[in-house]
Amino acid sequence: MDKRVQELATLDCAQFQLEKVRTKADLKATFSDLDTVQSQLDEEHERNSKLQDKVRALEKEIRSMRCQALLRPSSPGTLPEQASSGGPSGSSQQ
């Protein structure tokens, strides 16, 4: 009987060690997956930052074009103040 108890204890210990190894392997795989996801997130963040920079540049360009359009006389001989205060360009002003 004592030998049987010893075998069961040894088997239990071996199972425990196997579970530890499996758990360790699972954790390594999980961390590897997390590293992959983090890399993808970093790349996506970089792309988003570049797109935001482009959007800001386009918004700045649009504002500049609007200002130029407002300052440009609507007809020859019209002063910029008259062009921006009256007529079609002044009425569409926001």
PDB file of N, CA and C in Angstrom:
ATOM      1  N   MET A   1       0.820  -1.183   0.000  1.00  0.00           N
ATOM      2  CA  MET A   1       0.000   0.000   0.000  1.00  0.00           C
ATOM      3  C   MET A   1       0.869   1.254   0.000  1.00  0.00           C
ATOM      4  N   ASP A   2       1.959   1.214   0.746  1.00  0.00           N
ATOM      5  CA  ASP A   2       2.852   2.359   0.838  1.00  0.00           C
ATOM      6  C   ASP A   2       3.455   2.689  -0.526  1.00  0.00           C
ATOM      7  N   LYS A   3       3.752   1.641  -1.311  1.00  0.00           N
ATOM      8  CA  LYS A   3       4.306   1.843  -2.643  1.00  0.00           C
ATOM      9  C   LYS A   3       3.269   2.507  -3.548  1.00  0.00           C
ATOM     10  N   ARG A   4       2.023   2.108  -3.404  1.00  0.00           N
ATOM     11  CA  ARG A   4       0.927   2.685  -4.197  1.00  0.00           C
ATOM     12  C   ARG A   4       0.753   4.177  -3.868  1.00  0.00           C
ATOM     13  N   VAL A   5       0.832   4.537  -2.616  1.00  0.00           N
ATOM     14  CA  VAL A   5       0.720   5.938  -2.202  1.00  0.00           C
ATOM     15  C   VAL A   5       1.882   6.745  -2.782  1.00  0.00           C
ATOM     16  N   GLN A   6       3.060   6.157  -2.754  1.00  0.00           N
ATOM     17  CA  GLN A   6       4.238   6.828  -3.312  1.00  0.00           C
ATOM     18  C   GLN A   6       4.070   7.057  -4.811  1.00  0.00           C
ATOM     19  N   GLU A   7       3.540   6.065  -5.537  1.00  0.00           N
ATOM     20  CA  GLU A   7       3.316   6.195  -6.980  1.00  0.00           C
ATOM     21  C   GLU A   7       2.286   7.286  -7.271  1.00  0.00           C
ATOM     22  N   LEU A   8       1.214   7.307  -6.479  1.00  0.00           N
ATOM     23  CA  LEU A   8       0.186   8.333  -6.663  1.00  0.00           C
ATOM     24  C   LEU A   8       0.742   9.731  -6.392  1.00  0.00           C
ATOM     25  N   ALA A   9       1.560   9.849  -5.377  1.00  0.00           N
ATOM     26  CA  ALA A   9       2.165  11.141  -5.055  1.00  0.00           C
ATOM     27  C   ALA A   9       3.098  11.587  -6.179  1.00  0.00           C
ATOM     28  N   THR A  10       3.867  10.634  -6.715  1.00  0.00           N
ATOM     29  CA  THR A  10       4.771  10.949  -7.818  1.00  0.00           C
ATOM     30  C   THR A  10       3.979  11.361  -9.055  1.00  0.00           C
ATOM     31  N   LEU A  11       2.897  10.628  -9.343  1.00  0.00           N
ATOM     32  CA  LEU A  11       2.041  10.943 -10.483  1.00  0.00           C
ATOM     33  C   LEU A  11       1.405  12.323 -10.314  1.00  0.00           C
ATOM     34  N   ASP A  12       0.934  12.613  -9.112  1.00  0.00           N
ATOM     35  CA  ASP A  12       0.324  13.912  -8.838  1.00  0.00           C
ATOM     36  C   ASP A  12       1.338  15.039  -9.033  1.00  0.00           C
ATOM     37  N   CYS A  13       2.548  14.810  -8.569  1.00  0.00           N
ATOM     38  CA  CYS A  13       3.608  15.805  -8.722  1.00  0.00           C
ATOM     39  C   CYS A  13       3.934  16.015 -10.204  1.00  0.00           C
ATOM     40  N   ALA A  14       3.991  14.941 -10.966  1.00  0.00           N
ATOM     41  CA  ALA A  14       4.278  15.035 -12.395  1.00  0.00           C
ATOM     42  C   ALA A  14       3.170  15.803 -13.116  1.00  0.00           C
ATOM     43  N   GLN A  15       1.914  15.528 -12.744  1.00  0.00           N
ATOM     44  CA  GLN A  15       0.795  16.252 -13.345  1.00  0.00           C
ATOM     45  C   GLN A  15       0.882  17.741 -13.032  1.00  0.00           C
ATOM     46  N   PHE A  16       1.218  18.040 -11.792  1.00  0.00           N
ATOM     47  CA  PHE A  16       1.347  19.434 -11.380  1.00  0.00           C
ATOM     48  C   PHE A  16       2.430  20.136 -12.204  1.00  0.00           C
ATOM     49  N   GLN A  17       3.577  19.474 -12.379  1.00  0.00           N
ATOM     50  CA  GLN A  17       4.670  20.050 -13.162  1.00  0.00           C
ATOM     51  C   GLN A  17       4.244  20.260 -14.617  1.00  0.00           C
ATOM     52  N   LEU A  18       3.505  19.286 -15.166  1.00  0.00           N
ATOM     53  CA  LEU A  18       3.025  19.393 -16.542  1.00  0.00           C
ATOM     54  C   LEU A  18       2.076  20.579 -16.687  1.00  0.00           C
ATOM     55  N   GLU A  19       1.193  20.759 -15.726  1.00  0.00           N
ATOM     56  CA  GLU A  19       0.268  21.898 -15.760  1.00  0.00           C
ATOM     57  C   GLU A  19       1.030  23.215 -15.697  1.00  0.00           C
ATOM     58  N   LYS A  20       2.081  23.258 -14.883  1.00  0.00           N
ATOM     59  CA  LYS A  20       2.900  24.470 -14.803  1.00  0.00           C
ATOM     60  C   LYS A  20       3.543  24.777 -16.149  1.00  0.00           C
ATOM     61  N   VAL A  21       4.066  23.730 -16.803  1.00  0.00           N
ATOM     62  CA  VAL A  21       4.709  23.915 -18.103  1.00  0.00           C
ATOM     63  C   VAL A  21       3.685  24.394 -19.126  1.00  0.00           C
ATOM     64  N   ARG A  22       2.503  23.767 -19.122  1.00  0.00           N
ATOM     65  CA  ARG A  22       1.453  24.186 -20.056  1.00  0.00           C
ATOM     66  C   ARG A  22       1.029  25.626 -19.787  1.00  0.00           C
ATOM     67  N   THR A  23       0.870  25.959 -18.523  1.00  0.00           N
ATOM     68  CA  THR A  23       0.480  27.319 -18.160  1.00  0.00           C
ATOM     69  C   THR A  23       1.539  28.315 -18.608  1.00  0.00           C
ATOM     70  N   LYS A  24       2.794  27.949 -18.406  1.00  0.00           N
ATOM     71  CA  LYS A  24       3.892  28.822 -18.824  1.00  0.00           C
ATOM     72  C   LYS A  24       3.876  29.009 -20.341  1.00  0.00           C
ATOM     73  N   ALA A  25       3.657  27.924 -21.077  1.00  0.00           N
ATOM     74  CA  ALA A  25       3.594  28.007 -22.538  1.00  0.00           C
ATOM     75  C   ALA A  25       2.403  28.856 -22.972  1.00  0.00           C
ATOM     76  N   ASP A  26       1.267  28.673 -22.303  1.00  0.00           N
ATOM     77  CA  ASP A  26       0.087  29.484 -22.618  1.00  0.00           C
ATOM     78  C   ASP A  26       0.360  30.963 -22.361  1.00  0.00           C
ATOM     79  N   LEU A  27       1.023  31.248 -21.256  1.00  0.00           N
ATOM     80  CA  LEU A  27       1.345  32.639 -20.938  1.00  0.00           C
ATOM     81  C   LEU A  27       2.293  33.240 -21.971  1.00  0.00           C
ATOM     82  N   LYS A  28       3.288  32.456 -22.385  1.00  0.00           N
ATOM     83  CA  LYS A  28       4.216  32.952 -23.402  1.00  0.00           C
ATOM     84  C   LYS A  28       3.476  33.243 -24.700  1.00  0.00           C
ATOM     85  N   ALA A  29       2.571  32.347 -25.087  1.00  0.00           N
ATOM     86  CA  ALA A  29       1.788  32.562 -26.305  1.00  0.00           C
ATOM     87  C   ALA A  29       0.907  33.801 -26.161  1.00  0.00           C
ATOM     88  N   THR A  30       0.312  33.962 -24.986  1.00  0.00           N
ATOM     89  CA  THR A  30      -0.540  35.123 -24.748  1.00  0.00           C
ATOM     90  C   THR A  30       0.272  36.411 -24.823  1.00  0.00           C
ATOM     91  N   PHE A  31       1.442  36.428 -24.195  1.00  0.00           N
ATOM     92  CA  PHE A  31       2.283  37.624 -24.248  1.00  0.00           C
ATOM     93  C   PHE A  31       2.758  37.899 -25.670  1.00  0.00           C
ATOM     94  N   SER A  32       3.026  36.848 -26.415  1.00  0.00           N
ATOM     95  CA  SER A  32       3.419  37.022 -27.805  1.00  0.00           C
ATOM     96  C   SER A  32       2.273  37.653 -28.597  1.00  0.00           C
ATOM     97  N   ASP A  33       1.058  37.158 -28.358  1.00  0.00           N
ATOM     98  CA  ASP A  33      -0.119  37.737 -29.014  1.00  0.00           C
ATOM     99  C   ASP A  33      -0.296  39.198 -28.609  1.00  0.00           C
ATOM    100  N   LEU A  34      -0.092  39.490 -27.336  1.00  0.00           N
ATOM    101  CA  LEU A  34      -0.222  40.869 -26.857  1.00  0.00           C
ATOM    102  C   LEU A  34       0.822  41.776 -27.499  1.00  0.00           C
ATOM    103  N   ASP A  35       2.034  41.269 -27.660  1.00  0.00           N
ATOM    104  CA  ASP A  35       3.078  42.055 -28.323  1.00  0.00           C
ATOM    105  C   ASP A  35       2.695  42.354 -29.769  1.00  0.00           C
ATOM    106  N   THR A  36       2.128  41.351 -30.440  1.00  0.00           N
ATOM    107  CA  THR A  36       1.692  41.543 -31.822  1.00  0.00           C
ATOM    108  C   THR A  36       0.603  42.600 -31.899  1.00  0.00           C
ATOM    109  N   VAL A  37      -0.375  42.495 -31.011  1.00  0.00           N
ATOM    110  CA  VAL A  37      -1.471  43.464 -30.992  1.00  0.00           C
ATOM    111  C   VAL A  37      -0.936  44.860 -30.678  1.00  0.00           C
ATOM    112  N   GLN A  38      -0.015  44.956 -29.731  1.00  0.00           N
ATOM    113  CA  GLN A  38       0.564  46.260 -29.383  1.00  0.00           C
ATOM    114  C   GLN A  38       1.292  46.861 -30.577  1.00  0.00           C
ATOM    115  N   SER A  39       2.011  46.042 -31.317  1.00  0.00           N
ATOM    116  CA  SER A  39       2.708  46.532 -32.511  1.00  0.00           C
ATOM    117  C   SER A  39       1.711  47.053 -33.538  1.00  0.00           C
ATOM    118  N   GLN A  40       0.618  46.310 -33.723  1.00  0.00           N
ATOM    119  CA  GLN A  40      -0.413  46.748 -34.661  1.00  0.00           C
ATOM    120  C   GLN A  40      -1.042  48.060 -34.203  1.00  0.00           C
ATOM    121  N   LEU A  41      -1.286  48.184 -32.907  1.00  0.00           N
ATOM    122  CA  LEU A  41      -1.849  49.426 -32.375  1.00  0.00           C
ATOM    123  C   LEU A  41      -0.890  50.596 -32.573  1.00  0.00           C
ATOM    124  N   ASP A  42       0.391  50.352 -32.358  1.00  0.00           N
ATOM    125  CA  ASP A  42       1.390  51.404 -32.558  1.00  0.00           C
ATOM    126  C   ASP A  42       1.413  51.863 -34.019  1.00  0.00           C
ATOM    127  N   GLU A  43       1.352  50.897 -34.946  1.00  0.00           N
ATOM    128  CA  GLU A  43       1.340  51.235 -36.371  1.00  0.00           C
ATOM    129  C   GLU A  43       0.083  52.028 -36.719  1.00  0.00           C
ATOM    130  N   GLU A  44      -1.057  51.594 -36.195  1.00  0.00           N
ATOM    131  CA  GLU A  44      -2.321  52.280 -36.454  1.00  0.00           C
ATOM    132  C   GLU A  44      -2.288  53.700 -35.883  1.00  0.00           C
ATOM    133  N   HIS A  45      -1.721  53.845 -34.698  1.00  0.00           N
ATOM    134  CA  HIS A  45      -1.599  55.171 -34.088  1.00  0.00           C
ATOM    135  C   HIS A  45      -0.730  56.081 -34.959  1.00  0.00           C
ATOM    136  N   GLU A  46       0.350  55.545 -35.477  1.00  0.00           N
ATOM    137  CA  GLU A  46       1.240  56.319 -36.345  1.00  0.00           C
ATOM    138  C   GLU A  46       0.504  56.757 -37.614  1.00  0.00           C
ATOM    139  N   ARG A  47      -0.260  55.834 -38.220  1.00  0.00           N
ATOM    140  CA  ARG A  47      -1.036  56.184 -39.417  1.00  0.00           C
ATOM    141  C   ARG A  47      -2.062  57.265 -39.094  1.00  0.00           C
ATOM    142  N   ASN A  48      -2.743  57.116 -37.959  1.00  0.00           N
ATOM    143  CA  ASN A  48      -3.747  58.105 -37.566  1.00  0.00           C
ATOM    144  C   ASN A  48      -3.116  59.471 -37.338  1.00  0.00           C
ATOM    145  N   SER A  49      -1.954  59.492 -36.720  1.00  0.00           N
ATOM    146  CA  SER A  49      -1.261  60.760 -36.483  1.00  0.00           C
ATOM    147  C   SER A  49      -0.913  61.444 -37.804  1.00  0.00           C
ATOM    148  N   LYS A  50      -0.428  60.660 -38.761  1.00  0.00           N
ATOM    149  CA  LYS A  50      -0.091  61.227 -40.067  1.00  0.00           C
ATOM    150  C   LYS A  50      -1.338  61.764 -40.759  1.00  0.00           C
ATOM    151  N   LEU A  51      -2.446  61.020 -40.659  1.00  0.00           N
ATOM    152  CA  LEU A  51      -3.693  61.489 -41.265  1.00  0.00           C
ATOM    153  C   LEU A  51      -4.190  62.763 -40.591  1.00  0.00           C
ATOM    154  N   GLN A  52      -4.070  62.830 -39.276  1.00  0.00           N
ATOM    155  CA  GLN A  52      -4.481  64.047 -38.568  1.00  0.00           C
ATOM    156  C   GLN A  52      -3.625  65.237 -38.992  1.00  0.00           C
ATOM    157  N   ASP A  53      -2.347  65.013 -39.193  1.00  0.00           N
ATOM    158  CA  ASP A  53      -1.472  66.087 -39.675  1.00  0.00           C
ATOM    159  C   ASP A  53      -1.920  66.561 -41.056  1.00  0.00           C
ATOM    160  N   LYS A  54      -2.279  65.620 -41.931  1.00  0.00           N
ATOM    161  CA  LYS A  54      -2.753  65.985 -43.269  1.00  0.00           C
ATOM    162  C   LYS A  54      -4.059  66.764 -43.185  1.00  0.00           C
ATOM    163  N   VAL A  55      -4.959  66.331 -42.310  1.00  0.00           N
ATOM    164  CA  VAL A  55      -6.236  67.029 -42.144  1.00  0.00           C
ATOM    165  C   VAL A  55      -5.992  68.459 -41.671  1.00  0.00           C
ATOM    166  N   ARG A  56      -5.123  68.623 -40.689  1.00  0.00           N
ATOM    167  CA  ARG A  56      -4.813  69.973 -40.193  1.00  0.00           C
ATOM    168  C   ARG A  56      -4.216  70.844 -41.305  1.00  0.00           C
ATOM    169  N   ALA A  57      -3.339  70.269 -42.111  1.00  0.00           N
ATOM    170  CA  ALA A  57      -2.736  71.025 -43.207  1.00  0.00           C
ATOM    171  C   ALA A  57      -3.803  71.429 -44.226  1.00  0.00           C
ATOM    172  N   LEU A  58      -4.721  70.513 -44.526  1.00  0.00           N
ATOM    173  CA  LEU A  58      -5.798  70.836 -45.464  1.00  0.00           C
ATOM    174  C   LEU A  58      -6.728  71.896 -44.895  1.00  0.00           C
ATOM    175  N   GLU A  59      -7.043  71.806 -43.614  1.00  0.00           N
ATOM    176  CA  GLU A  59      -7.892  72.822 -42.985  1.00  0.00           C
ATOM    177  C   GLU A  59      -7.222  74.191 -43.050  1.00  0.00           C
ATOM    178  N   LYS A  60      -5.931  74.223 -42.813  1.00  0.00           N
ATOM    179  CA  LYS A  60      -5.184  75.481 -42.877  1.00  0.00           C
ATOM    180  C   LYS A  60      -5.210  76.037 -44.298  1.00  0.00           C
ATOM    181  N   GLU A  61      -5.039  75.152 -45.271  1.00  0.00           N
ATOM    182  CA  GLU A  61      -5.065  75.573 -46.668  1.00  0.00           C
ATOM    183  C   GLU A  61      -6.448  76.110 -47.045  1.00  0.00           C
ATOM    184  N   ILE A  62      -7.496  75.454 -46.566  1.00  0.00           N
ATOM    185  CA  ILE A  62      -8.865  75.906 -46.844  1.00  0.00           C
ATOM    186  C   ILE A  62      -9.093  77.287 -46.238  1.00  0.00           C
ATOM    187  N   ARG A  63      -8.665  77.480 -44.996  1.00  0.00           N
ATOM    188  CA  ARG A  63      -8.821  78.800 -44.361  1.00  0.00           C
ATOM    189  C   ARG A  63      -8.074  79.872 -45.154  1.00  0.00           C
ATOM    190  N   SER A  64      -6.889  79.541 -45.596  1.00  0.00           N
ATOM    191  CA  SER A  64      -6.100  80.485 -46.377  1.00  0.00           C
ATOM    192  C   SER A  64      -6.810  80.837 -47.681  1.00  0.00           C
ATOM    193  N   MET A  65      -7.368  79.833 -48.345  1.00  0.00           N
ATOM    194  CA  MET A  65      -8.076  80.073 -49.604  1.00  0.00           C
ATOM    195  C   MET A  65      -9.325  80.921 -49.368  1.00  0.00           C
ATOM    196  N   ARG A  66     -10.032  80.684 -48.268  1.00  0.00           N
ATOM    197  CA  ARG A  66     -11.220  81.486 -47.950  1.00  0.00           C
ATOM    198  C   ARG A  66     -10.831  82.943 -47.720  1.00  0.00           C
ATOM    199  N   CYS A  67      -9.751  83.141 -46.967  1.00  0.00           N
ATOM    200  CA  CYS A  67      -9.292  84.508 -46.708  1.00  0.00           C
ATOM    201  C   CYS A  67      -8.901  85.199 -48.006  1.00  0.00           C
ATOM    202  N   GLN A  68      -8.200  84.493 -48.872  1.00  0.00           N
ATOM    203  CA  GLN A  68      -7.800  85.072 -50.154  1.00  0.00           C
ATOM    204  C   GLN A  68      -9.022  85.428 -50.984  1.00  0.00           C
ATOM    205  N   ALA A  69     -10.036  84.560 -50.961  1.00  0.00           N
ATOM    206  CA  ALA A  69     -11.257  84.822 -51.725  1.00  0.00           C
ATOM    207  C   ALA A  69     -11.985  86.041 -51.175  1.00  0.00           C
ATOM    208  N   LEU A  70     -11.991  86.205 -49.865  1.00  0.00           N
ATOM    209  CA  LEU A  70     -12.664  87.358 -49.265  1.00  0.00           C
ATOM    210  C   LEU A  70     -11.919  88.657 -49.553  1.00  0.00           C
ATOM    211  N   LEU A  71     -10.612  88.587 -49.620  1.00  0.00           N
ATOM    212  CA  LEU A  71      -9.815  89.789 -49.859  1.00  0.00           C
ATOM    213  C   LEU A  71      -9.720  90.155 -51.336  1.00  0.00           C
ATOM    214  N   ARG A  72     -10.035  89.221 -52.209  1.00  0.00           N
ATOM    215  CA  ARG A  72      -9.947  89.459 -53.646  1.00  0.00           C
ATOM    216  C   ARG A  72     -11.172  90.281 -54.076  1.00  0.00           C
ATOM    217  N   PRO A  73     -10.967  91.359 -54.831  1.00  0.00           N
ATOM    218  CA  PRO A  73     -12.115  92.144 -55.308  1.00  0.00           C
ATOM    219  C   PRO A  73     -13.005  91.291 -56.208  1.00  0.00           C
ATOM    220  N   SER A  74     -14.332  91.486 -56.066  1.00  0.00           N
ATOM    221  CA  SER A  74     -15.266  90.680 -56.853  1.00  0.00           C
ATOM    222  C   SER A  74     -15.351  91.167 -58.286  1.00  0.00           C
ATOM    223  N   SER A  75     -15.079  92.443 -58.519  1.00  0.00           N
ATOM    224  CA  SER A  75     -15.074  92.957 -59.887  1.00  0.00           C
ATOM    225  C   SER A  75     -13.994  94.023 -59.995  1.00  0.00           C
ATOM    226  N   PRO A  76     -13.528  94.274 -61.190  1.00  0.00           N
ATOM    227  CA  PRO A  76     -12.474  95.286 -61.347  1.00  0.00           C
ATOM    228  C   PRO A  76     -12.940  96.639 -60.811  1.00  0.00           C
ATOM    229  N   GLY A  77     -12.083  97.287 -60.068  1.00  0.00           N
ATOM    230  CA  GLY A  77     -12.393  98.601 -59.530  1.00  0.00           C
ATOM    231  C   GLY A  77     -13.090  98.565 -58.186  1.00  0.00           C
ATOM    232  N   THR A  78     -13.418  97.380 -57.669  1.00  0.00           N
ATOM    233  CA  THR A  78     -14.084  97.269 -56.376  1.00  0.00           C
ATOM    234  C   THR A  78     -13.019  97.100 -55.302  1.00  0.00           C
ATOM    235  N   LEU A  79     -13.156  97.826 -54.228  1.00  0.00           N
ATOM    236  CA  LEU A  79     -12.204  97.705 -53.128  1.00  0.00           C
ATOM    237  C   LEU A  79     -12.489  96.438 -52.326  1.00  0.00           C
ATOM    238  N   PRO A  80     -11.491  95.853 -51.674  1.00  0.00           N
ATOM    239  CA  PRO A  80     -11.710  94.632 -50.882  1.00  0.00           C
ATOM    240  C   PRO A  80     -12.788  94.801 -49.817  1.00  0.00           C
ATOM    241  N   GLU A  81     -12.891  96.000 -49.191  1.00  0.00           N
ATOM    242  CA  GLU A  81     -13.913  96.204 -48.163  1.00  0.00           C
ATOM    243  C   GLU A  81     -15.308  96.108 -48.762  1.00  0.00           C
ATOM    244  N   GLN A  82     -15.475  96.665 -49.982  1.00  0.00           N
ATOM    245  CA  GLN A  82     -16.778  96.611 -50.640  1.00  0.00           C
ATOM    246  C   GLN A  82     -17.112  95.177 -51.048  1.00  0.00           C
ATOM    247  N   ALA A  83     -16.116  94.439 -51.484  1.00  0.00           N
ATOM    248  CA  ALA A  83     -16.348  93.062 -51.923  1.00  0.00           C
ATOM    249  C   ALA A  83     -16.759  92.184 -50.754  1.00  0.00           C
ATOM    250  N   SER A  84     -16.208  92.436 -49.569  1.00  0.00           N
ATOM    251  CA  SER A  84     -16.533  91.579 -48.433  1.00  0.00           C
ATOM    252  C   SER A  84     -17.800  92.023 -47.720  1.00  0.00           C
ATOM    253  N   SER A  85     -18.238  93.292 -47.911  1.00  0.00           N
ATOM    254  CA  SER A  85     -19.411  93.767 -47.178  1.00  0.00           C
ATOM    255  C   SER A  85     -20.688  93.695 -47.990  1.00  0.00           C
ATOM    256  N   GLY A  86     -20.607  93.582 -49.254  1.00  0.00           N
ATOM    257  CA  GLY A  86     -21.820  93.557 -50.063  1.00  0.00           C
ATOM    258  C   GLY A  86     -21.662  92.639 -51.244  1.00  0.00           C
ATOM    259  N   GLY A  87     -22.753  92.440 -51.957  1.00  0.00           N
ATOM    260  CA  GLY A  87     -22.698  91.604 -53.143  1.00  0.00           C
ATOM    261  C   GLY A  87     -22.734  90.132 -52.807  1.00  0.00           C
ATOM    262  N   PRO A  88     -22.562  89.300 -53.811  1.00  0.00           N
ATOM    263  CA  PRO A  88     -22.686  87.844 -53.620  1.00  0.00           C
ATOM    264  C   PRO A  88     -21.671  87.268 -52.644  1.00  0.00           C
ATOM    265  N   SER A  89     -20.425  87.764 -52.674  1.00  0.00           N
ATOM    266  CA  SER A  89     -19.421  87.182 -51.777  1.00  0.00           C
ATOM    267  C   SER A  89     -19.692  87.550 -50.331  1.00  0.00           C
ATOM    268  N   GLY A  90     -20.212  88.734 -50.070  1.00  0.00           N
ATOM    269  CA  GLY A  90     -20.507  89.156 -48.710  1.00  0.00           C
ATOM    270  C   GLY A  90     -21.719  88.466 -48.136  1.00  0.00           C
ATOM    271  N   SER A  91     -22.705  88.141 -48.973  1.00  0.00           N
ATOM    272  CA  SER A  91     -23.926  87.517 -48.468  1.00  0.00           C
ATOM    273  C   SER A  91     -23.729  86.042 -48.152  1.00  0.00           C
ATOM    274  N   SER A  92     -22.725  85.408 -48.747  1.00  0.00           N
ATOM    275  CA  SER A  92     -22.486  83.991 -48.456  1.00  0.00           C
ATOM    276  C   SER A  92     -21.488  83.807 -47.325  1.00  0.00           C
ATOM    277  N   GLN A  93     -21.062  84.902 -46.742  1.00  0.00           N
ATOM    278  CA  GLN A  93     -20.075  84.867 -45.658  1.00  0.00           C
ATOM    279  C   GLN A  93     -20.676  84.256 -44.402  1.00  0.00           C
ATOM    280  N   GLN A  94     -19.866  83.453 -43.666  1.00  0.00           N
ATOM    281  CA  GLN A  94     -20.387  82.821 -42.442  1.00  0.00           C
ATOM    282  C   GLN A  94     -19.780  83.421 -41.226  1.00  0.00           C
TER     283      GLN A  94
END
